[in-house]
Amino acid sequence: MQAQVLRLPEVKALTGLSRSSIYAFVKRGDFPRPFRLGRKAIGFLRVEVESWVAERVAASRPPSA
């Protein structure tokens, strides 16, 4: 399976977060770190971002009885 790379606009659309919120979470260590694609370009791994979203959803749901 080939890793898919997301650019910032795709990450914003997937998470519903703003650019500043994403980078604040990254700085705190609460969001997957981006990696350098080139001199001025960064990317995020889709699997890491989707996993982060799934964890947030699971944490917001009450445990089932």
PDB file of N, CA and C in Angstrom:
ATOM      1  N   MET A   1       0.833  -1.172   0.000  1.00  0.00           N
ATOM      2  CA  MET A   1       0.000   0.000   0.000  1.00  0.00           C
ATOM      3  C   MET A   1       0.884   1.244   0.000  1.00  0.00           C
ATOM      4  N   GLN A   2       0.601   2.167  -0.867  1.00  0.00           N
ATOM      5  CA  GLN A   2       1.371   3.387  -0.981  1.00  0.00           C
ATOM      6  C   GLN A   2       0.804   4.448  -0.041  1.00  0.00           C
ATOM      7  N   ALA A   3       1.689   5.128   0.669  1.00  0.00           N
ATOM      8  CA  ALA A   3       1.254   6.180   1.586  1.00  0.00           C
ATOM      9  C   ALA A   3       0.724   7.365   0.795  1.00  0.00           C
ATOM     10  N   GLN A   4      -0.399   7.894   1.230  1.00  0.00           N
ATOM     11  CA  GLN A   4      -0.968   9.076   0.590  1.00  0.00           C
ATOM     12  C   GLN A   4      -0.602  10.308   1.398  1.00  0.00           C
ATOM     13  N   VAL A   5      -0.206  11.336   0.695  1.00  0.00           N
ATOM     14  CA  VAL A   5       0.206  12.580   1.322  1.00  0.00           C
ATOM     15  C   VAL A   5      -0.897  13.621   1.144  1.00  0.00           C
ATOM     16  N   LEU A   6      -1.221  14.304   2.238  1.00  0.00           N
ATOM     17  CA  LEU A   6      -2.209  15.374   2.205  1.00  0.00           C
ATOM     18  C   LEU A   6      -1.495  16.706   2.350  1.00  0.00           C
ATOM     19  N   ARG A   7      -1.942  17.681   1.587  1.00  0.00           N
ATOM     20  CA  ARG A   7      -1.456  19.042   1.756  1.00  0.00           C
ATOM     21  C   ARG A   7      -2.374  19.733   2.758  1.00  0.00           C
ATOM     22  N   LEU A   8      -1.969  20.888   3.237  1.00  0.00           N
ATOM     23  CA  LEU A   8      -2.701  21.574   4.297  1.00  0.00           C
ATOM     24  C   LEU A   8      -4.184  21.815   3.985  1.00  0.00           C
ATOM     25  N   PRO A   9      -4.554  22.262   2.791  1.00  0.00           N
ATOM     26  CA  PRO A   9      -5.994  22.447   2.534  1.00  0.00           C
ATOM     27  C   PRO A   9      -6.809  21.161   2.704  1.00  0.00           C
ATOM     28  N   GLU A  10      -6.229  20.027   2.347  1.00  0.00           N
ATOM     29  CA  GLU A  10      -6.926  18.738   2.510  1.00  0.00           C
ATOM     30  C   GLU A  10      -7.037  18.374   3.987  1.00  0.00           C
ATOM     31  N   VAL A  11      -5.982  18.655   4.757  1.00  0.00           N
ATOM     32  CA  VAL A  11      -6.012  18.383   6.196  1.00  0.00           C
ATOM     33  C   VAL A  11      -7.064  19.252   6.864  1.00  0.00           C
ATOM     34  N   LYS A  12      -7.132  20.513   6.472  1.00  0.00           N
ATOM     35  CA  LYS A  12      -8.144  21.418   7.022  1.00  0.00           C
ATOM     36  C   LYS A  12      -9.544  20.906   6.711  1.00  0.00           C
ATOM     37  N   ALA A  13      -9.771  20.441   5.493  1.00  0.00           N
ATOM     38  CA  ALA A  13     -11.088  19.931   5.103  1.00  0.00           C
ATOM     39  C   ALA A  13     -11.432  18.646   5.865  1.00  0.00           C
ATOM     40  N   LEU A  14     -10.471  17.786   6.054  1.00  0.00           N
ATOM     41  CA  LEU A  14     -10.695  16.509   6.734  1.00  0.00           C
ATOM     42  C   LEU A  14     -10.975  16.693   8.220  1.00  0.00           C
ATOM     43  N   THR A  15     -10.302  17.668   8.844  1.00  0.00           N
ATOM     44  CA  THR A  15     -10.418  17.834  10.295  1.00  0.00           C
ATOM     45  C   THR A  15     -11.412  18.905  10.702  1.00  0.00           C
ATOM     46  N   GLY A  16     -11.666  19.858   9.819  1.00  0.00           N
ATOM     47  CA  GLY A  16     -12.509  20.987  10.173  1.00  0.00           C
ATOM     48  C   GLY A  16     -11.772  22.035  10.988  1.00  0.00           C
ATOM     49  N   LEU A  17     -10.451  21.901  11.094  1.00  0.00           N
ATOM     50  CA  LEU A  17      -9.639  22.839  11.869  1.00  0.00           C
ATOM     51  C   LEU A  17      -9.052  23.917  10.979  1.00  0.00           C
ATOM     52  N   SER A  18      -8.710  25.044  11.579  1.00  0.00           N
ATOM     53  CA  SER A  18      -8.016  26.110  10.857  1.00  0.00           C
ATOM     54  C   SER A  18      -6.520  25.800  10.814  1.00  0.00           C
ATOM     55  N   ARG A  19      -5.820  26.533   9.969  1.00  0.00           N
ATOM     56  CA  ARG A  19      -4.368  26.375   9.861  1.00  0.00           C
ATOM     57  C   ARG A  19      -3.705  26.596  11.221  1.00  0.00           C
ATOM     58  N   SER A  20      -4.093  27.670  11.905  1.00  0.00           N
ATOM     59  CA  SER A  20      -3.467  27.990  13.187  1.00  0.00           C
ATOM     60  C   SER A  20      -3.755  26.919  14.247  1.00  0.00           C
ATOM     61  N   SER A  21      -4.950  26.357  14.236  1.00  0.00           N
ATOM     62  CA  SER A  21      -5.277  25.286  15.192  1.00  0.00           C
ATOM     63  C   SER A  21      -4.458  24.039  14.915  1.00  0.00           C
ATOM     64  N   ILE A  22      -4.313  23.688  13.650  1.00  0.00           N
ATOM     65  CA  ILE A  22      -3.509  22.511  13.289  1.00  0.00           C
ATOM     66  C   ILE A  22      -2.095  22.673  13.805  1.00  0.00           C
ATOM     67  N   TYR A  23      -1.473  23.827  13.526  1.00  0.00           N
ATOM     68  CA  TYR A  23      -0.093  24.035  13.952  1.00  0.00           C
ATOM     69  C   TYR A  23       0.043  24.169  15.463  1.00  0.00           C
ATOM     70  N   ALA A  24      -0.991  24.670  16.143  1.00  0.00           N
ATOM     71  CA  ALA A  24      -0.962  24.702  17.612  1.00  0.00           C
ATOM     72  C   ALA A  24      -0.976  23.280  18.165  1.00  0.00           C
ATOM     73  N   PHE A  25      -1.836  22.408  17.597  1.00  0.00           N
ATOM     74  CA  PHE A  25      -1.860  21.000  18.009  1.00  0.00           C
ATOM     75  C   PHE A  25      -0.528  20.318  17.719  1.00  0.00           C
ATOM     76  N   VAL A  26       0.068  20.591  16.569  1.00  0.00           N
ATOM     77  CA  VAL A  26       1.372  20.008  16.216  1.00  0.00           C
ATOM     78  C   VAL A  26       2.414  20.437  17.237  1.00  0.00           C
ATOM     79  N   LYS A  27       2.431  21.722  17.566  1.00  0.00           N
ATOM     80  CA  LYS A  27       3.413  22.260  18.506  1.00  0.00           C
ATOM     81  C   LYS A  27       3.295  21.599  19.876  1.00  0.00           C
ATOM     82  N   ARG A  28       2.067  21.307  20.304  1.00  0.00           N
ATOM     83  CA  ARG A  28       1.831  20.644  21.590  1.00  0.00           C
ATOM     84  C   ARG A  28       2.081  19.144  21.524  1.00  0.00           C
ATOM     85  N   GLY A  29       2.262  18.614  20.323  1.00  0.00           N
ATOM     86  CA  GLY A  29       2.461  17.174  20.179  1.00  0.00           C
ATOM     87  C   GLY A  29       1.160  16.404  20.123  1.00  0.00           C
ATOM     88  N   ASP A  30       0.049  17.103  19.867  1.00  0.00           N
ATOM     89  CA  ASP A  30      -1.276  16.481  19.851  1.00  0.00           C
ATOM     90  C   ASP A  30      -1.823  16.234  18.448  1.00  0.00           C
ATOM     91  N   PHE A  31      -1.003  16.406  17.442  1.00  0.00           N
ATOM     92  CA  PHE A  31      -1.430  16.208  16.055  1.00  0.00           C
ATOM     93  C   PHE A  31      -0.237  15.671  15.283  1.00  0.00           C
ATOM     94  N   PRO A  32      -0.474  14.825  14.273  1.00  0.00           N
ATOM     95  CA  PRO A  32       0.647  14.278  13.493  1.00  0.00           C
ATOM     96  C   PRO A  32       1.514  15.381  12.896  1.00  0.00           C
ATOM     97  N   ARG A  33       2.809  15.223  13.029  1.00  0.00           N
ATOM     98  CA  ARG A  33       3.752  16.210  12.501  1.00  0.00           C
ATOM     99  C   ARG A  33       3.825  16.128  10.982  1.00  0.00           C
ATOM    100  N   PRO A  34       3.880  17.278  10.335  1.00  0.00           N
ATOM    101  CA  PRO A  34       4.060  17.284   8.880  1.00  0.00           C
ATOM    102  C   PRO A  34       5.516  16.959   8.552  1.00  0.00           C
ATOM    103  N   PHE A  35       5.762  16.630   7.312  1.00  0.00           N
ATOM    104  CA  PHE A  35       7.133  16.383   6.868  1.00  0.00           C
ATOM    105  C   PHE A  35       7.384  17.186   5.601  1.00  0.00           C
ATOM    106  N   ARG A  36       8.642  17.445   5.345  1.00  0.00           N
ATOM    107  CA  ARG A  36       9.037  18.286   4.230  1.00  0.00           C
ATOM    108  C   ARG A  36       8.973  17.508   2.916  1.00  0.00           C
ATOM    109  N   LEU A  37       8.282  18.089   1.948  1.00  0.00           N
ATOM    110  CA  LEU A  37       8.194  17.512   0.602  1.00  0.00           C
ATOM    111  C   LEU A  37       9.199  18.174  -0.337  1.00  0.00           C
ATOM    112  N   GLY A  38       9.528  19.383  -0.030  1.00  0.00           N
ATOM    113  CA  GLY A  38      10.452  20.168  -0.837  1.00  0.00           C
ATOM    114  C   GLY A  38      10.887  21.357  -0.016  1.00  0.00           C
ATOM    115  N   ARG A  39      11.501  22.315  -0.681  1.00  0.00           N
ATOM    116  CA  ARG A  39      11.995  23.475   0.048  1.00  0.00           C
ATOM    117  C   ARG A  39      10.891  24.266   0.738  1.00  0.00           C
ATOM    118  N   LYS A  40       9.762  24.404   0.088  1.00  0.00           N
ATOM    119  CA  LYS A  40       8.673  25.208   0.643  1.00  0.00           C
ATOM    120  C   LYS A  40       7.378  24.434   0.849  1.00  0.00           C
ATOM    121  N   ALA A  41       7.411  23.148   0.618  1.00  0.00           N
ATOM    122  CA  ALA A  41       6.176  22.356   0.698  1.00  0.00           C
ATOM    123  C   ALA A  41       6.255  21.338   1.834  1.00  0.00           C
ATOM    124  N   ILE A  42       5.139  21.204   2.542  1.00  0.00           N
ATOM    125  CA  ILE A  42       5.034  20.173   3.579  1.00  0.00           C
ATOM    126  C   ILE A  42       3.816  19.311   3.292  1.00  0.00           C
ATOM    127  N   GLY A  43       3.805  18.129   3.890  1.00  0.00           N
ATOM    128  CA  GLY A  43       2.680  17.221   3.732  1.00  0.00           C
ATOM    129  C   GLY A  43       2.428  16.456   5.019  1.00  0.00           C
ATOM    130  N   PHE A  44       1.246  15.899   5.109  1.00  0.00           N
ATOM    131  CA  PHE A  44       0.855  15.061   6.235  1.00  0.00           C
ATOM    132  C   PHE A  44       0.467  13.690   5.676  1.00  0.00           C
ATOM    133  N   LEU A  45       0.750  12.635   6.417  1.00  0.00           N
ATOM    134  CA  LEU A  45       0.322  11.307   5.982  1.00  0.00           C
ATOM    135  C   LEU A  45      -1.168  11.141   6.262  1.00  0.00           C
ATOM    136  N   ARG A  46      -1.913  10.742   5.223  1.00  0.00           N
ATOM    137  CA  ARG A  46      -3.366  10.569   5.352  1.00  0.00           C
ATOM    138  C   ARG A  46      -3.715   9.615   6.484  1.00  0.00           C
ATOM    139  N   VAL A  47      -3.015   8.495   6.588  1.00  0.00           N
ATOM    140  CA  VAL A  47      -3.336   7.488   7.599  1.00  0.00           C
ATOM    141  C   VAL A  47      -3.185   8.071   9.003  1.00  0.00           C
ATOM    142  N   GLU A  48      -2.194   8.930   9.237  1.00  0.00           N
ATOM    143  CA  GLU A  48      -1.998   9.531  10.547  1.00  0.00           C
ATOM    144  C   GLU A  48      -3.103  10.536  10.866  1.00  0.00           C
ATOM    145  N   VAL A  49      -3.484  11.336   9.883  1.00  0.00           N
ATOM    146  CA  VAL A  49      -4.542  12.328  10.104  1.00  0.00           C
ATOM    147  C   VAL A  49      -5.876  11.626  10.339  1.00  0.00           C
ATOM    148  N   GLU A  50      -6.187  10.618   9.537  1.00  0.00           N
ATOM    149  CA  GLU A  50      -7.444   9.881   9.715  1.00  0.00           C
ATOM    150  C   GLU A  50      -7.484   9.169  11.066  1.00  0.00           C
ATOM    151  N   SER A  51      -6.356   8.645  11.500  1.00  0.00           N
ATOM    152  CA  SER A  51      -6.276   7.991  12.808  1.00  0.00           C
ATOM    153  C   SER A  51      -6.513   9.007  13.928  1.00  0.00           C
ATOM    154  N   TRP A  52      -5.956  10.200  13.777  1.00  0.00           N
ATOM    155  CA  TRP A  52      -6.157  11.264  14.759  1.00  0.00           C
ATOM    156  C   TRP A  52      -7.639  11.620  14.847  1.00  0.00           C
ATOM    157  N   VAL A  53      -8.293  11.765  13.709  1.00  0.00           N
ATOM    158  CA  VAL A  53      -9.727  12.087  13.683  1.00  0.00           C
ATOM    159  C   VAL A  53     -10.518  10.971  14.365  1.00  0.00           C
ATOM    160  N   ALA A  54     -10.212   9.724  14.045  1.00  0.00           N
ATOM    161  CA  ALA A  54     -10.921   8.588  14.644  1.00  0.00           C
ATOM    162  C   ALA A  54     -10.747   8.562  16.163  1.00  0.00           C
ATOM    163  N   GLU A  55      -9.546   8.878  16.642  1.00  0.00           N
ATOM    164  CA  GLU A  55      -9.305   8.925  18.085  1.00  0.00           C
ATOM    165  C   GLU A  55     -10.130  10.024  18.744  1.00  0.00           C
ATOM    166  N   ARG A  56     -10.225  11.169  18.095  1.00  0.00           N
ATOM    167  CA  ARG A  56     -11.014  12.279  18.631  1.00  0.00           C
ATOM    168  C   ARG A  56     -12.495  11.905  18.699  1.00  0.00           C
ATOM    169  N   VAL A  57     -12.991  11.242  17.671  1.00  0.00           N
ATOM    170  CA  VAL A  57     -14.390  10.811  17.658  1.00  0.00           C
ATOM    171  C   VAL A  57     -14.635   9.802  18.763  1.00  0.00           C
ATOM    172  N   ALA A  58     -13.753   8.818  18.885  1.00  0.00           N
ATOM    173  CA  ALA A  58     -13.905   7.793  19.922  1.00  0.00           C
ATOM    174  C   ALA A  58     -13.866   8.405  21.330  1.00  0.00           C
ATOM    175  N   ALA A  59     -12.996   9.385  21.541  1.00  0.00           N
ATOM    176  CA  ALA A  59     -12.876  10.023  22.854  1.00  0.00           C
ATOM    177  C   ALA A  59     -14.115  10.853  23.185  1.00  0.00           C
ATOM    178  N   SER A  60     -14.851  11.280  22.183  1.00  0.00           N
ATOM    179  CA  SER A  60     -16.027  12.121  22.417  1.00  0.00           C
ATOM    180  C   SER A  60     -17.294  11.310  22.645  1.00  0.00           C
ATOM    181  N   ARG A  61     -17.206  10.019  22.426  1.00  0.00           N
ATOM    182  CA  ARG A  61     -18.379   9.157  22.586  1.00  0.00           C
ATOM    183  C   ARG A  61     -18.349   8.463  23.942  1.00  0.00           C
ATOM    184  N   PRO A  62     -19.504   8.345  24.600  1.00  0.00           N
ATOM    185  CA  PRO A  62     -19.527   7.631  25.864  1.00  0.00           C
ATOM    186  C   PRO A  62     -19.274   6.145  25.624  1.00  0.00           C
ATOM    187  N   PRO A  63     -18.628   5.490  26.582  1.00  0.00           N
ATOM    188  CA  PRO A  63     -18.411   4.043  26.433  1.00  0.00           C
ATOM    189  C   PRO A  63     -19.741   3.303  26.365  1.00  0.00           C
ATOM    190  N   SER A  64     -19.828   2.310  25.506  1.00  0.00           N
ATOM    191  CA  SER A  64     -21.074   1.551  25.390  1.00  0.00           C
ATOM    192  C   SER A  64     -21.170   0.538  26.523  1.00  0.00           C
ATOM    193  N   ALA A  65     -22.378   0.348  26.989  1.00  0.00           N
ATOM    194  CA  ALA A  65     -22.615  -0.546  28.141  1.00  0.00           C
ATOM    195  C   ALA A  65     -22.746  -1.968  27.724  1.00  0.00           C
TER     196      ALA A  65
END
